[in-house]
Amino acid sequence: MKKIAILVALFLIPLYAAASQPSPQQNLPLVIEARKLTYDDQKKVATYIGHVVAQRGKTVMTGDKLLVFFDKTGKYIEKIEVIGNVHIVDPRGEGWCNTLYYYPAQEKAVLLGNAKLKQGKNVIVGDKIIAYKDGRVIVEGIKQRVKTVIYPGEKSEQAIGLESSKSGKDNQNIQQKKGR
């Protein structure tokens, strides 16, 4: 059984690097460490369990369990799911949640349950956070209200990717209040 797991791991690691093309970051290998790996060839799913650490370039994800879903050819990653005590560290900031879904083709991460993103001192909290590589962020409050903490001198909401829902008239009212 151990020999099979080692062979599967040696076979899968090069596939992670080819998960999606062509940016320089995407040419970096995805390195995953865990206490246990199982691979289901029929479902094309690799399951890592126990103190999972996944690293690609300068981005590191940790969690209790990580699943990698491949396309039917087994060559490309369609989705990565991290479950339990999820923590992500990236040069742009860090995040926490109960469950994370990452879609490489869309360059989209969905953080669910006690979701929190932090950049410098600035913090965004919600039940569901959808973050795109281009910097867009959508935050939803399901059981709790969305909360944003912005420190003066730090990057603004727009700089951290939140799309403002204020109309032009609201912005004029805010500017008038500031001018008083």
C-alpha atoms as a PDB file:
ATOM      1  CA  MET A   1       0.000   0.000   0.000  1.00  0.00           C
ATOM      2  CA  LYS A   2       2.832   2.408   0.868  1.00  0.00           C
ATOM      3  CA  LYS A   3       4.523   1.687  -2.478  1.00  0.00           C
ATOM      4  CA  ILE A   4       1.313   2.516  -4.326  1.00  0.00           C
ATOM      5  CA  ALA A   5       0.895   5.787  -2.398  1.00  0.00           C
ATOM      6  CA  ILE A   6       4.514   6.778  -3.170  1.00  0.00           C
ATOM      7  CA  LEU A   7       4.081   5.949  -6.873  1.00  0.00           C
ATOM      8  CA  VAL A   8       0.817   7.900  -7.006  1.00  0.00           C
ATOM      9  CA  ALA A   9       2.499  10.860  -5.283  1.00  0.00           C
ATOM     10  CA  LEU A  10       5.438  10.776  -7.706  1.00  0.00           C
ATOM     11  CA  PHE A  11       3.014  10.575 -10.609  1.00  0.00           C
ATOM     12  CA  LEU A  12       0.736  13.387  -9.351  1.00  0.00           C
ATOM     13  CA  ILE A  13       3.345  16.017  -8.431  1.00  0.00           C
ATOM     14  CA  PRO A  14       4.281  16.801 -12.067  1.00  0.00           C
ATOM     15  CA  LEU A  15       0.573  17.052 -12.896  1.00  0.00           C
ATOM     16  CA  TYR A  16       0.054  19.797 -10.304  1.00  0.00           C
ATOM     17  CA  ALA A  17       2.606  21.963 -12.086  1.00  0.00           C
ATOM     18  CA  ALA A  18       0.652  21.535 -15.312  1.00  0.00           C
ATOM     19  CA  ALA A  19      -2.697  22.237 -13.652  1.00  0.00           C
ATOM     20  CA  SER A  20      -3.248  25.422 -15.586  1.00  0.00           C
ATOM     21  CA  GLN A  21      -1.111  27.397 -17.985  1.00  0.00           C
ATOM     22  CA  PRO A  22       0.619  29.799 -18.945  1.00  0.00           C
ATOM     23  CA  SER A  23       1.640  32.442 -16.314  1.00  0.00           C
ATOM     24  CA  PRO A  24       5.096  32.109 -14.691  1.00  0.00           C
ATOM     25  CA  GLN A  25       3.462  31.484 -11.267  1.00  0.00           C
ATOM     26  CA  GLN A  26       1.467  28.645 -12.800  1.00  0.00           C
ATOM     27  CA  ASN A  27       4.660  26.939 -13.990  1.00  0.00           C
ATOM     28  CA  LEU A  28       5.697  26.509 -10.373  1.00  0.00           C
ATOM     29  CA  PRO A  29       5.023  23.078  -8.874  1.00  0.00           C
ATOM     30  CA  LEU A  30       2.369  22.531  -6.241  1.00  0.00           C
ATOM     31  CA  VAL A  31       3.980  20.671  -3.337  1.00  0.00           C
ATOM     32  CA  ILE A  32       1.638  18.944  -0.878  1.00  0.00           C
ATOM     33  CA  GLU A  33       2.586  17.259   2.380  1.00  0.00           C
ATOM     34  CA  ALA A  34       0.233  15.290   4.632  1.00  0.00           C
ATOM     35  CA  ARG A  35       0.123  12.260   6.893  1.00  0.00           C
ATOM     36  CA  LYS A  36      -1.893  10.234   4.371  1.00  0.00           C
ATOM     37  CA  LEU A  37      -2.647  10.268   0.637  1.00  0.00           C
ATOM     38  CA  THR A  38      -5.268   8.228  -1.186  1.00  0.00           C
ATOM     39  CA  TYR A  39      -6.006   8.463  -4.900  1.00  0.00           C
ATOM     40  CA  ASP A  40      -9.201   7.281  -6.601  1.00  0.00           C
ATOM     41  CA  ASP A  41      -8.406   6.823 -10.302  1.00  0.00           C
ATOM     42  CA  GLN A  42     -12.046   6.310 -11.283  1.00  0.00           C
ATOM     43  CA  LYS A  43     -13.167   9.575  -9.660  1.00  0.00           C
ATOM     44  CA  LYS A  44      -9.842  11.322 -10.430  1.00  0.00           C
ATOM     45  CA  VAL A  45      -9.592  12.615  -6.832  1.00  0.00           C
ATOM     46  CA  ALA A  46      -6.495  12.770  -4.635  1.00  0.00           C
ATOM     47  CA  THR A  47      -7.251  13.068  -0.900  1.00  0.00           C
ATOM     48  CA  TYR A  48      -4.632  14.292   1.578  1.00  0.00           C
ATOM     49  CA  ILE A  49      -5.402  13.917   5.289  1.00  0.00           C
ATOM     50  CA  GLY A  50      -3.642  15.075   8.440  1.00  0.00           C
ATOM     51  CA  HIS A  51      -1.839  18.382   8.945  1.00  0.00           C
ATOM     52  CA  VAL A  52      -1.887  19.196   5.246  1.00  0.00           C
ATOM     53  CA  VAL A  53       0.525  21.817   3.920  1.00  0.00           C
ATOM     54  CA  ALA A  54       0.318  22.853   0.259  1.00  0.00           C
ATOM     55  CA  GLN A  55       2.761  25.319  -1.250  1.00  0.00           C
ATOM     56  CA  ARG A  56       3.059  26.897  -4.676  1.00  0.00           C
ATOM     57  CA  GLY A  57       5.628  29.637  -5.021  1.00  0.00           C
ATOM     58  CA  LYS A  58       5.248  31.973  -2.052  1.00  0.00           C
ATOM     59  CA  THR A  59       1.658  30.907  -1.303  1.00  0.00           C
ATOM     60  CA  VAL A  60       1.124  28.378   1.497  1.00  0.00           C
ATOM     61  CA  MET A  61      -2.195  26.726   2.473  1.00  0.00           C
ATOM     62  CA  THR A  62      -2.730  24.565   5.537  1.00  0.00           C
ATOM     63  CA  GLY A  63      -5.733  22.553   6.679  1.00  0.00           C
ATOM     64  CA  ASP A  64      -6.906  19.244   8.071  1.00  0.00           C
ATOM     65  CA  LYS A  65      -7.856  17.710   4.711  1.00  0.00           C
ATOM     66  CA  LEU A  66      -7.202  18.616   1.062  1.00  0.00           C
ATOM     67  CA  LEU A  67      -8.877  17.146  -2.019  1.00  0.00           C
ATOM     68  CA  VAL A  68      -7.628  17.640  -5.567  1.00  0.00           C
ATOM     69  CA  PHE A  69     -10.226  17.058  -8.308  1.00  0.00           C
ATOM     70  CA  PHE A  70      -8.750  16.339 -11.751  1.00  0.00           C
ATOM     71  CA  ASP A  71     -10.483  16.533 -15.118  1.00  0.00           C
ATOM     72  CA  LYS A  72     -11.445  13.237 -16.796  1.00  0.00           C
ATOM     73  CA  THR A  73      -8.009  13.006 -18.469  1.00  0.00           C
ATOM     74  CA  GLY A  74      -6.312  13.269 -15.071  1.00  0.00           C
ATOM     75  CA  LYS A  75      -3.926  15.946 -16.384  1.00  0.00           C
ATOM     76  CA  TYR A  76      -5.520  19.182 -15.162  1.00  0.00           C
ATOM     77  CA  ILE A  77      -6.819  20.307 -11.801  1.00  0.00           C
ATOM     78  CA  GLU A  78     -10.453  21.408 -11.902  1.00  0.00           C
ATOM     79  CA  LYS A  79     -10.847  22.194  -8.208  1.00  0.00           C
ATOM     80  CA  ILE A  80      -8.978  22.069  -4.910  1.00  0.00           C
ATOM     81  CA  GLU A  81     -10.931  21.793  -1.663  1.00  0.00           C
ATOM     82  CA  VAL A  82      -9.349  22.382   1.756  1.00  0.00           C
ATOM     83  CA  ILE A  83     -11.406  21.417   4.813  1.00  0.00           C
ATOM     84  CA  GLY A  84     -10.919  22.271   8.486  1.00  0.00           C
ATOM     85  CA  ASN A  85      -8.735  24.949  10.093  1.00  0.00           C
ATOM     86  CA  VAL A  86      -7.862  26.500   6.740  1.00  0.00           C
ATOM     87  CA  HIS A  87      -5.110  29.137   6.730  1.00  0.00           C
ATOM     88  CA  ILE A  88      -3.642  30.771   3.621  1.00  0.00           C
ATOM     89  CA  VAL A  89      -0.491  32.905   3.595  1.00  0.00           C
ATOM     90  CA  ASP A  90       0.439  34.880   0.490  1.00  0.00           C
ATOM     91  CA  PRO A  91       2.718  37.905  -0.073  1.00  0.00           C
ATOM     92  CA  ARG A  92      -0.465  39.986  -0.530  1.00  0.00           C
ATOM     93  CA  GLY A  93      -1.941  38.957   2.835  1.00  0.00           C
ATOM     94  CA  GLU A  94      -3.468  36.001   4.612  1.00  0.00           C
ATOM     95  CA  GLY A  95      -6.838  34.356   5.129  1.00  0.00           C
ATOM     96  CA  TRP A  96      -8.702  31.941   7.345  1.00  0.00           C
ATOM     97  CA  CYS A  97     -11.903  29.901   6.955  1.00  0.00           C
ATOM     98  CA  ASN A  98     -13.532  26.536   7.646  1.00  0.00           C
ATOM     99  CA  THR A  99     -13.586  25.386   4.001  1.00  0.00           C
ATOM    100  CA  LEU A 100     -11.796  26.712   0.918  1.00  0.00           C
ATOM    101  CA  TYR A 101     -12.565  25.961  -2.726  1.00  0.00           C
ATOM    102  CA  TYR A 102     -10.016  26.984  -5.349  1.00  0.00           C
ATOM    103  CA  TYR A 103     -10.774  26.920  -9.083  1.00  0.00           C
ATOM    104  CA  PRO A 104      -7.497  27.258 -11.069  1.00  0.00           C
ATOM    105  CA  ALA A 105      -9.124  27.892 -14.472  1.00  0.00           C
ATOM    106  CA  GLN A 106     -11.114  30.816 -13.063  1.00  0.00           C
ATOM    107  CA  GLU A 107      -8.322  31.891 -10.689  1.00  0.00           C
ATOM    108  CA  LYS A 108     -11.004  32.098  -8.014  1.00  0.00           C
ATOM    109  CA  ALA A 109     -10.971  31.169  -4.316  1.00  0.00           C
ATOM    110  CA  VAL A 110     -14.137  30.748  -2.246  1.00  0.00           C
ATOM    111  CA  LEU A 111     -13.712  30.910   1.537  1.00  0.00           C
ATOM    112  CA  LEU A 112     -16.669  29.559   3.548  1.00  0.00           C
ATOM    113  CA  GLY A 113     -17.456  29.634   7.258  1.00  0.00           C
ATOM    114  CA  ASN A 114     -15.797  32.182   9.537  1.00  0.00           C
ATOM    115  CA  ALA A 115     -14.068  33.627   6.473  1.00  0.00           C
ATOM    116  CA  LYS A 116     -11.504  36.370   7.056  1.00  0.00           C
ATOM    117  CA  LEU A 117      -8.959  38.110   4.822  1.00  0.00           C
ATOM    118  CA  LYS A 118      -6.218  40.337   6.189  1.00  0.00           C
ATOM    119  CA  GLN A 119      -3.901  42.695   4.317  1.00  0.00           C
ATOM    120  CA  GLY A 120      -1.607  44.714   6.579  1.00  0.00           C
ATOM    121  CA  LYS A 121      -3.889  45.838   9.424  1.00  0.00           C
ATOM    122  CA  ASN A 122      -6.974  45.885   7.179  1.00  0.00           C
ATOM    123  CA  VAL A 123      -9.455  43.051   7.693  1.00  0.00           C
ATOM    124  CA  ILE A 124     -12.548  41.757   5.865  1.00  0.00           C
ATOM    125  CA  VAL A 125     -14.854  39.290   7.660  1.00  0.00           C
ATOM    126  CA  GLY A 126     -17.925  37.436   6.378  1.00  0.00           C
ATOM    127  CA  ASP A 127     -19.502  34.032   6.069  1.00  0.00           C
ATOM    128  CA  LYS A 128     -18.491  33.729   2.419  1.00  0.00           C
ATOM    129  CA  ILE A 129     -15.654  35.504   0.636  1.00  0.00           C
ATOM    130  CA  ILE A 130     -15.012  35.088  -3.076  1.00  0.00           C
ATOM    131  CA  ALA A 131     -11.574  36.367  -4.102  1.00  0.00           C
ATOM    132  CA  TYR A 132     -10.274  36.624  -7.656  1.00  0.00           C
ATOM    133  CA  LYS A 133      -6.640  36.876  -8.715  1.00  0.00           C
ATOM    134  CA  ASP A 134      -7.290  40.258 -10.354  1.00  0.00           C
ATOM    135  CA  GLY A 135      -8.072  41.690  -6.899  1.00  0.00           C
ATOM    136  CA  ARG A 136     -11.876  41.628  -6.944  1.00  0.00           C
ATOM    137  CA  VAL A 137     -13.453  40.456  -3.698  1.00  0.00           C
ATOM    138  CA  ILE A 138     -17.116  39.699  -2.934  1.00  0.00           C
ATOM    139  CA  VAL A 139     -18.093  39.283   0.716  1.00  0.00           C
ATOM    140  CA  GLU A 140     -21.425  37.890   1.914  1.00  0.00           C
ATOM    141  CA  GLY A 141     -22.890  37.742   5.388  1.00  0.00           C
ATOM    142  CA  ILE A 142     -25.212  34.805   5.872  1.00  0.00           C
ATOM    143  CA  LYS A 143     -25.212  34.259   9.663  1.00  0.00           C
ATOM    144  CA  GLN A 144     -23.314  37.460  10.455  1.00  0.00           C
ATOM    145  CA  ARG A 145     -23.001  40.904   8.975  1.00  0.00           C
ATOM    146  CA  VAL A 146     -20.068  41.678   6.714  1.00  0.00           C
ATOM    147  CA  LYS A 147     -17.361  43.608   8.552  1.00  0.00           C
ATOM    148  CA  THR A 148     -14.470  45.624   7.141  1.00  0.00           C
ATOM    149  CA  VAL A 149     -11.785  47.321   9.223  1.00  0.00           C
ATOM    150  CA  ILE A 150      -9.691  49.884   7.353  1.00  0.00           C
ATOM    151  CA  TYR A 151      -6.751  51.673   8.960  1.00  0.00           C
ATOM    152  CA  PRO A 152      -5.714  55.142   7.749  1.00  0.00           C
ATOM    153  CA  GLY A 153      -2.583  55.016   5.641  1.00  0.00           C
ATOM    154  CA  GLU A 154      -3.233  51.409   4.666  1.00  0.00           C
ATOM    155  CA  LYS A 155      -4.693  50.321   1.328  1.00  0.00           C
ATOM    156  CA  SER A 156      -8.326  51.329   0.794  1.00  0.00           C
ATOM    157  CA  GLU A 157     -11.308  49.097   0.025  1.00  0.00           C
ATOM    158  CA  GLN A 158     -10.764  49.532  -3.698  1.00  0.00           C
ATOM    159  CA  ALA A 159      -7.069  48.716  -3.349  1.00  0.00           C
ATOM    160  CA  ILE A 160      -7.933  45.432  -1.642  1.00  0.00           C
ATOM    161  CA  GLY A 161     -10.498  44.667  -4.308  1.00  0.00           C
ATOM    162  CA  LEU A 162     -13.894  45.419  -2.785  1.00  0.00           C
ATOM    163  CA  GLU A 163     -16.349  46.773  -5.267  1.00  0.00           C
ATOM    164  CA  SER A 164     -18.161  49.773  -3.830  1.00  0.00           C
ATOM    165  CA  SER A 165     -21.941  49.528  -3.809  1.00  0.00           C
ATOM    166  CA  LYS A 166     -22.394  53.238  -3.118  1.00  0.00           C
ATOM    167  CA  SER A 167     -24.070  55.273  -5.820  1.00  0.00           C
ATOM    168  CA  GLY A 168     -22.606  58.535  -7.082  1.00  0.00           C
ATOM    169  CA  LYS A 169     -25.214  60.431  -5.020  1.00  0.00           C
ATOM    170  CA  ASP A 170     -24.105  58.626  -1.831  1.00  0.00           C
ATOM    171  CA  ASN A 171     -20.486  59.498  -2.584  1.00  0.00           C
ATOM    172  CA  GLN A 172     -21.476  63.173  -3.021  1.00  0.00           C
ATOM    173  CA  ASN A 173     -23.235  63.097   0.372  1.00  0.00           C
ATOM    174  CA  ILE A 174     -20.123  61.611   2.003  1.00  0.00           C
ATOM    175  CA  GLN A 175     -17.927  64.275   0.398  1.00  0.00           C
ATOM    176  CA  GLN A 176     -20.288  67.039   1.597  1.00  0.00           C
ATOM    177  CA  LYS A 177     -20.192  65.682   5.170  1.00  0.00           C
ATOM    178  CA  LYS A 178     -16.376  65.585   5.078  1.00  0.00           C
ATOM    179  CA  GLY A 179     -16.312  69.204   3.911  1.00  0.00           C
ATOM    180  CA  ARG A 180     -18.324  70.423   6.935  1.00  0.00           C
END
